[in-house]
C-alpha atoms as a PDB file:
ATOM      1  CA  MET A   1     113.648  61.654 100.879  1.00  0.00           C
ATOM      2  CA  ASN A   2     112.259  58.406 101.090  1.00  0.00           C
ATOM      3  CA  THR A   3     111.409  56.554 104.752  1.00  0.00           C
ATOM      4  CA  PRO A   4     109.745  53.209 105.488  1.00  0.00           C
ATOM      5  CA  ALA A   5     106.439  52.333 106.136  1.00  0.00           C
ATOM      6  CA  ALA A   6     104.116  54.970 107.687  1.00  0.00           C
ATOM      7  CA  GLY A   7     102.957  53.240 111.003  1.00  0.00           C
ATOM      8  CA  PRO A   8     102.567  55.202 114.027  1.00  0.00           C
ATOM      9  CA  SER A   9     106.247  56.110 114.024  1.00  0.00           C
ATOM     10  CA  GLY A  10     106.115  57.413 110.613  1.00  0.00           C
ATOM     11  CA  LEU A  11     103.080  59.438 111.277  1.00  0.00           C
ATOM     12  CA  PRO A  12     105.309  62.570 112.733  1.00  0.00           C
ATOM     13  CA  LYS A  13     107.423  62.404 109.566  1.00  0.00           C
ATOM     14  CA  LEU A  14     103.797  63.232 107.861  1.00  0.00           C
ATOM     15  CA  GLY A  15     103.626  66.228 110.304  1.00  0.00           C
ATOM     16  CA  PHE A  16     100.636  64.732 112.106  1.00  0.00           C
ATOM     17  CA  SER A  17     100.694  65.247 116.044  1.00  0.00           C
ATOM     18  CA  ALA A  18      98.356  65.369 119.041  1.00  0.00           C
ATOM     19  CA  GLY A  19      95.452  67.475 119.167  1.00  0.00           C
ATOM     20  CA  GLN A  20      95.231  68.533 115.434  1.00  0.00           C
ATOM     21  CA  VAL A  21      92.345  68.877 113.426  1.00  0.00           C
ATOM     22  CA  VAL A  22      92.909  66.806 109.927  1.00  0.00           C
ATOM     23  CA  GLN A  23      90.560  67.061 106.860  1.00  0.00           C
ATOM     24  CA  GLU A  24      90.038  64.547 104.344  1.00  0.00           C
ATOM     25  CA  TYR A  25      89.416  64.666 100.757  1.00  0.00           C
ATOM     26  CA  GLY A  26      89.177  62.138  98.294  1.00  0.00           C
ATOM     27  CA  TYR A  27      87.841  59.240 100.551  1.00  0.00           C
ATOM     28  CA  ASP A  28      86.757  55.939  98.586  1.00  0.00           C
ATOM     29  CA  ASP A  29      86.456  52.400  99.287  1.00  0.00           C
ATOM     30  CA  ASP A  30      89.944  51.830  98.443  1.00  0.00           C
ATOM     31  CA  VAL A  31      91.473  53.750 101.108  1.00  0.00           C
ATOM     32  CA  ASP A  32      94.028  52.406 103.675  1.00  0.00           C
ATOM     33  CA  HIS A  33      91.732  52.228 106.773  1.00  0.00           C
ATOM     34  CA  ASP A  34      94.676  50.995 108.855  1.00  0.00           C
ATOM     35  CA  PHE A  35      96.523  54.349 108.303  1.00  0.00           C
ATOM     36  CA  ARG A  36      93.487  56.136 108.659  1.00  0.00           C
ATOM     37  CA  TYR A  37      92.817  55.016 112.026  1.00  0.00           C
ATOM     38  CA  ALA A  38      96.666  55.746 112.936  1.00  0.00           C
ATOM     39  CA  VAL A  39      96.188  59.072 112.265  1.00  0.00           C
ATOM     40  CA  GLU A  40      93.101  59.679 114.098  1.00  0.00           C
ATOM     41  CA  ASP A  41      95.027  57.641 117.263  1.00  0.00           C
ATOM     42  CA  VAL A  42      97.682  60.172 116.624  1.00  0.00           C
ATOM     43  CA  ILE A  43      95.626  63.273 116.497  1.00  0.00           C
ATOM     44  CA  GLY A  44      92.744  62.051 119.094  1.00  0.00           C
ATOM     45  CA  SER A  45      89.804  62.597 116.920  1.00  0.00           C
ATOM     46  CA  GLU A  46      88.333  61.763 113.939  1.00  0.00           C
ATOM     47  CA  LEU A  47      89.255  62.927 110.280  1.00  0.00           C
ATOM     48  CA  GLU A  48      87.015  65.715 109.306  1.00  0.00           C
ATOM     49  CA  TYR A  49      85.148  65.265 105.899  1.00  0.00           C
ATOM     50  CA  ASP A  50      85.822  67.296 102.862  1.00  0.00           C
ATOM     51  CA  ASP A  51      83.000  69.800 103.539  1.00  0.00           C
ATOM     52  CA  PHE A  52      84.401  70.751 106.983  1.00  0.00           C
ATOM     53  CA  THR A  53      84.412  74.582 106.808  1.00  0.00           C
ATOM     54  CA  GLY A  54      86.908  75.237 109.953  1.00  0.00           C
ATOM     55  CA  VAL A  55      90.561  76.098 109.793  1.00  0.00           C
ATOM     56  CA  ALA A  56      92.633  72.346 109.314  1.00  0.00           C
ATOM     57  CA  ASP A  57      95.970  71.734 111.104  1.00  0.00           C
ATOM     58  CA  GLY A  58      96.569  69.116 108.185  1.00  0.00           C
ATOM     59  CA  VAL A  59      95.018  67.533 105.245  1.00  0.00           C
ATOM     60  CA  LEU A  60      94.994  63.895 103.630  1.00  0.00           C
ATOM     61  CA  LEU A  61      94.324  63.844  99.845  1.00  0.00           C
ATOM     62  CA  TRP A  62      93.605  60.550  98.508  1.00  0.00           C
ATOM     63  CA  TRP A  63      94.394  61.141  94.425  1.00  0.00           C
ATOM     64  CA  ARG A  64      94.261  58.722  91.921  1.00  0.00           C
ATOM     65  CA  ASP A  65      94.830  58.851  88.248  1.00  0.00           C
ATOM     66  CA  GLY A  66      91.663  60.211  86.564  1.00  0.00           C
ATOM     67  CA  ASP A  67      90.471  62.295  89.700  1.00  0.00           C
ATOM     68  CA  GLY A  68      90.839  65.500  88.015  1.00  0.00           C
ATOM     69  CA  ASP A  69      93.641  68.130  87.888  1.00  0.00           C
ATOM     70  CA  LEU A  70      95.557  67.727  91.072  1.00  0.00           C
ATOM     71  CA  VAL A  71      96.712  71.372  90.707  1.00  0.00           C
ATOM     72  CA  ASP A  72      93.320  72.371  91.064  1.00  0.00           C
ATOM     73  CA  ALA A  73      92.711  70.029  94.006  1.00  0.00           C
ATOM     74  CA  LEU A  74      96.029  71.427  96.028  1.00  0.00           C
ATOM     75  CA  VAL A  75      94.770  75.334  95.535  1.00  0.00           C
ATOM     76  CA  ASP A  76      91.233  74.265  96.646  1.00  0.00           C
ATOM     77  CA  VAL A  77      92.667  72.384  99.991  1.00  0.00           C
ATOM     78  CA  LEU A  78      94.633  75.260 100.637  1.00  0.00           C
ATOM     79  CA  THR A  79      91.940  77.395 101.670  1.00  0.00           C
ATOM     80  CA  ASN A  80      90.993  75.835 105.013  1.00  0.00           C
ATOM     81  CA  LEU A  81      94.383  75.247 105.898  1.00  0.00           C
ATOM     82  CA  ALA A  82      96.444  77.006 108.824  1.00  0.00           C
ATOM     83  CA  GLU A  83      99.611  78.832 108.246  1.00  0.00           C
ATOM     84  CA  GLY A  84     102.491  76.088 108.429  1.00  0.00           C
ATOM     85  CA  ALA A  85     100.198  73.097 107.863  1.00  0.00           C
ATOM     86  CA  GLY A  86     100.568  70.583 105.447  1.00  0.00           C
ATOM     87  CA  ILE A  87      98.632  68.620 102.822  1.00  0.00           C
ATOM     88  CA  VAL A  88      99.680  64.743 102.638  1.00  0.00           C
ATOM     89  CA  VAL A  89      98.880  63.700  98.909  1.00  0.00           C
ATOM     90  CA  LEU A  90      98.300  59.754  99.137  1.00  0.00           C
ATOM     91  CA  THR A  91      98.511  57.755  95.901  1.00  0.00           C
ATOM     92  CA  PRO A  92      98.241  54.318  94.816  1.00  0.00           C
ATOM     93  CA  LYS A  93     102.161  52.905  94.415  1.00  0.00           C
ATOM     94  CA  ALA A  94     103.658  52.118  91.102  1.00  0.00           C
ATOM     95  CA  GLY A  95     101.747  49.457  89.359  1.00  0.00           C
ATOM     96  CA  ARG A  96      98.694  50.076  91.422  1.00  0.00           C
ATOM     97  CA  VAL A  97      95.075  50.864  89.631  1.00  0.00           C
ATOM     98  CA  GLY A  98      95.439  54.753  89.697  1.00  0.00           C
ATOM     99  CA  GLU A  99      99.019  55.078  90.405  1.00  0.00           C
ATOM    100  CA  VAL A 100     100.092  58.686  89.849  1.00  0.00           C
ATOM    101  CA  ASP A 101     103.636  59.508  88.520  1.00  0.00           C
ATOM    102  CA  ALA A 102     105.733  61.219  90.814  1.00  0.00           C
ATOM    103  CA  ALA A 103     106.896  63.703  88.811  1.00  0.00           C
ATOM    104  CA  GLU A 104     103.291  64.875  88.525  1.00  0.00           C
ATOM    105  CA  ILE A 105     102.948  65.318  92.042  1.00  0.00           C
ATOM    106  CA  GLU A 106     106.157  67.201  92.082  1.00  0.00           C
ATOM    107  CA  GLU A 107     105.097  69.294  89.111  1.00  0.00           C
ATOM    108  CA  SER A 108     101.396  70.394  90.495  1.00  0.00           C
ATOM    109  CA  ALA A 109     102.984  70.945  93.968  1.00  0.00           C
ATOM    110  CA  VAL A 110     105.319  73.510  92.411  1.00  0.00           C
ATOM    111  CA  THR A 111     102.457  74.826  90.434  1.00  0.00           C
ATOM    112  CA  ALA A 112     100.686  75.205  93.353  1.00  0.00           C
ATOM    113  CA  GLY A 113     103.199  76.895  95.322  1.00  0.00           C
ATOM    114  CA  LEU A 114     103.959  74.073  97.636  1.00  0.00           C
ATOM    115  CA  HIS A 115     107.079  71.904  97.911  1.00  0.00           C
ATOM    116  CA  ALA A 116     107.624  68.325  99.112  1.00  0.00           C
ATOM    117  CA  THR A 117     109.360  67.649 102.505  1.00  0.00           C
ATOM    118  CA  ALA A 118     108.717  63.563 102.789  1.00  0.00           C
ATOM    119  CA  ASN A 119     107.885  60.614 100.702  1.00  0.00           C
ATOM    120  CA  VAL A 120     106.571  57.687 102.877  1.00  0.00           C
ATOM    121  CA  SER A 121     105.420  54.055 102.021  1.00  0.00           C
ATOM    122  CA  ILE A 122     101.548  53.776 103.475  1.00  0.00           C
ATOM    123  CA  GLY A 123     100.844  49.802 103.677  1.00  0.00           C
ATOM    124  CA  SER A 124     101.083  47.718 100.365  1.00  0.00           C
ATOM    125  CA  ASP A 125      99.296  49.730  98.401  1.00  0.00           C
ATOM    126  CA  TRP A 126      99.788  53.632  98.612  1.00  0.00           C
ATOM    127  CA  SER A 127     102.573  56.153  99.060  1.00  0.00           C
ATOM    128  CA  ALA A 128     102.311  59.573 100.595  1.00  0.00           C
ATOM    129  CA  SER A 129     104.065  62.698  99.780  1.00  0.00           C
ATOM    130  CA  ARG A 130     103.788  65.628 102.458  1.00  0.00           C
ATOM    131  CA  LEU A 131     103.662  68.882 100.759  1.00  0.00           C
ATOM    132  CA  LEU A 132     104.367  72.496 102.280  1.00  0.00           C
ATOM    133  CA  ALA A 133     104.100  76.027 101.875  1.00  0.00           C
ATOM    134  CA  PRO A 134     107.422  77.965 101.413  1.00  0.00           C
ATOM    135  CA  LYS A 135     108.107  79.429 104.590  1.00  0.00           C
ATOM    136  CA  ASN A 136     107.400  83.279 104.352  1.00  0.00           C
ATOM    137  CA  SER A 137     105.060  82.724 101.549  1.00  0.00           C
ATOM    138  CA  ARG A 138     102.069  84.518 100.637  1.00  0.00           C
ATOM    139  CA  ARG A 139      98.781  82.929  99.595  1.00  0.00           C
END
Protein backbone atom coordinates (compact mmCIF):
# COMPACT_ATOMS: atom_id res chain seq x y z
CA MET A 1 0.00 0.00 0.00
CA ASN A 2 1.46 3.39 -0.96
CA THR A 3 0.27 6.56 0.68
CA PRO A 4 1.11 10.20 0.03
CA ALA A 5 3.68 12.29 1.86
CA ALA A 6 3.76 11.73 5.60
CA GLY A 7 3.19 15.07 7.17
CA PRO A 8 1.45 14.99 10.52
CA SER A 9 -1.62 13.38 8.90
CA GLY A 10 0.55 10.55 7.51
CA LEU A 11 2.17 9.76 10.84
CA PRO A 12 -0.72 7.63 12.13
CA LYS A 13 -0.25 5.37 9.07
CA LEU A 14 3.26 4.77 10.38
CA GLY A 15 1.95 3.98 13.85
CA PHE A 16 2.95 7.13 15.75
CA SER A 17 0.68 8.54 18.43
CA ALA A 18 0.82 10.73 21.53
CA GLY A 19 2.73 9.43 24.53
CA GLN A 20 4.88 6.90 22.70
CA VAL A 21 8.58 6.39 23.32
CA VAL A 22 10.28 6.25 19.91
CA GLN A 23 13.91 5.20 19.52
CA GLU A 24 15.97 6.37 16.55
CA TYR A 25 18.78 4.50 14.80
CA GLY A 26 20.96 5.55 11.87
CA TYR A 27 20.72 9.30 12.45
CA ASP A 28 23.09 11.33 10.24
CA ASP A 29 23.25 14.75 8.61
CA ASP A 30 21.13 13.60 5.66
CA VAL A 31 17.95 12.69 7.61
CA ASP A 32 14.70 14.56 7.03
CA HIS A 33 14.63 16.89 10.03
CA ASP A 34 11.08 18.10 9.30
CA PHE A 35 9.87 14.50 9.53
CA ARG A 36 11.75 13.95 12.80
CA TYR A 37 10.21 17.12 14.28
CA ALA A 38 6.75 16.03 13.13
CA VAL A 39 7.20 12.67 14.88
CA GLU A 40 8.33 14.46 18.06
CA ASP A 41 5.31 16.77 17.87
CA VAL A 42 2.95 13.79 17.59
CA ILE A 43 4.52 11.72 20.38
CA GLY A 44 5.02 14.76 22.62
CA SER A 45 8.70 14.18 23.39
CA GLU A 46 12.12 13.94 21.82
CA LEU A 47 13.27 10.80 20.03
CA GLU A 48 15.45 8.47 22.09
CA TYR A 49 19.01 7.80 20.94
CA ASP A 50 20.18 4.41 19.76
CA ASP A 51 21.77 3.70 23.18
CA PHE A 52 18.38 3.96 24.98
CA THR A 53 17.90 0.88 27.18
CA GLY A 54 14.21 1.17 28.06
CA VAL A 55 11.27 -0.26 26.18
CA ALA A 56 10.36 1.59 22.98
CA ASP A 57 6.86 1.87 21.51
CA GLY A 58 8.33 2.40 18.06
CA VAL A 59 11.58 2.69 16.15
CA LEU A 60 12.81 4.98 13.39
CA LEU A 61 15.59 3.25 11.44
CA TRP A 62 17.33 5.47 8.87
CA TRP A 63 18.91 2.99 6.44
CA ARG A 64 21.10 3.56 3.40
CA ASP A 65 22.80 1.25 0.92
CA GLY A 66 26.17 0.38 2.45
CA ASP A 67 25.01 0.61 6.08
CA GLY A 68 25.55 -3.12 6.60
CA ASP A 69 23.16 -6.03 6.90
CA LEU A 70 19.54 -4.89 7.20
CA VAL A 71 18.40 -8.21 8.69
CA ASP A 72 20.93 -7.84 11.52
CA ALA A 73 19.84 -4.24 12.13
CA LEU A 74 16.16 -5.23 12.28
CA VAL A 75 16.85 -8.07 14.71
CA ASP A 76 18.93 -5.70 16.87
CA VAL A 77 16.19 -3.05 17.12
CA LEU A 78 13.63 -5.67 18.08
CA THR A 79 15.36 -6.19 21.45
CA ASN A 80 13.96 -2.99 23.06
CA LEU A 81 10.66 -2.97 21.19
CA ALA A 82 7.37 -3.34 23.07
CA GLU A 83 5.00 -6.14 22.04
CA GLY A 84 2.99 -5.04 19.01
CA ALA A 85 5.23 -2.01 18.32
CA GLY A 86 6.48 -1.20 14.85
CA ILE A 87 9.72 -0.34 13.09
CA VAL A 88 9.72 2.42 10.50
CA VAL A 89 12.57 1.90 8.05
CA LEU A 90 13.44 5.13 6.23
CA THR A 91 15.47 4.81 3.04
CA PRO A 92 16.53 7.27 0.33
CA LYS A 93 14.10 7.30 -2.59
CA ALA A 94 14.99 5.73 -5.93
CA GLY A 95 17.65 7.75 -7.73
CA ARG A 96 19.02 9.25 -4.50
CA VAL A 97 22.44 8.44 -3.07
CA GLY A 98 22.14 5.44 -0.75
CA GLU A 99 18.84 4.17 -2.18
CA VAL A 100 17.78 0.71 -1.04
CA ASP A 101 15.73 -1.56 -3.30
CA ALA A 102 12.23 -2.20 -1.95
CA ALA A 103 12.76 -5.94 -2.49
CA GLU A 104 15.73 -5.85 -0.08
CA ILE A 105 13.55 -4.25 2.59
CA GLU A 106 10.80 -6.83 2.06
CA GLU A 107 13.21 -9.80 2.05
CA SER A 108 15.03 -8.51 5.14
CA ALA A 109 11.75 -7.96 6.95
CA VAL A 110 10.56 -11.51 6.24
CA THR A 111 13.91 -12.97 7.30
CA ALA A 112 13.71 -10.99 10.58
CA GLY A 113 10.16 -12.28 11.17
CA LEU A 114 8.42 -9.02 10.21
CA HIS A 115 6.02 -7.88 7.50
CA ALA A 116 5.42 -4.52 5.83
CA THR A 117 2.12 -2.80 6.59
CA ALA A 118 2.55 0.63 4.98
CA ASN A 119 4.82 2.46 2.57
CA VAL A 120 4.84 6.24 2.77
CA SER A 121 6.71 9.02 1.00
CA ILE A 122 8.69 11.28 3.36
CA GLY A 123 9.44 14.65 1.79
CA SER A 124 11.36 14.69 -1.46
CA ASP A 125 14.23 12.37 -0.50
CA TRP A 126 13.01 9.57 1.77
CA SER A 127 10.55 6.68 1.78
CA ALA A 128 9.25 4.93 4.87
CA SER A 129 8.22 1.31 5.33
CA ARG A 130 6.39 0.31 8.50
CA LEU A 131 7.27 -3.20 9.66
CA LEU A 132 5.45 -5.25 12.30
CA ALA A 133 5.86 -8.68 13.79
CA PRO A 134 3.00 -10.97 12.80
CA LYS A 135 0.29 -11.23 15.47
CA ASN A 136 0.74 -14.11 17.90
CA SER A 137 4.42 -14.40 16.98
CA ARG A 138 7.12 -15.27 19.45
CA ARG A 139 10.54 -13.69 19.50
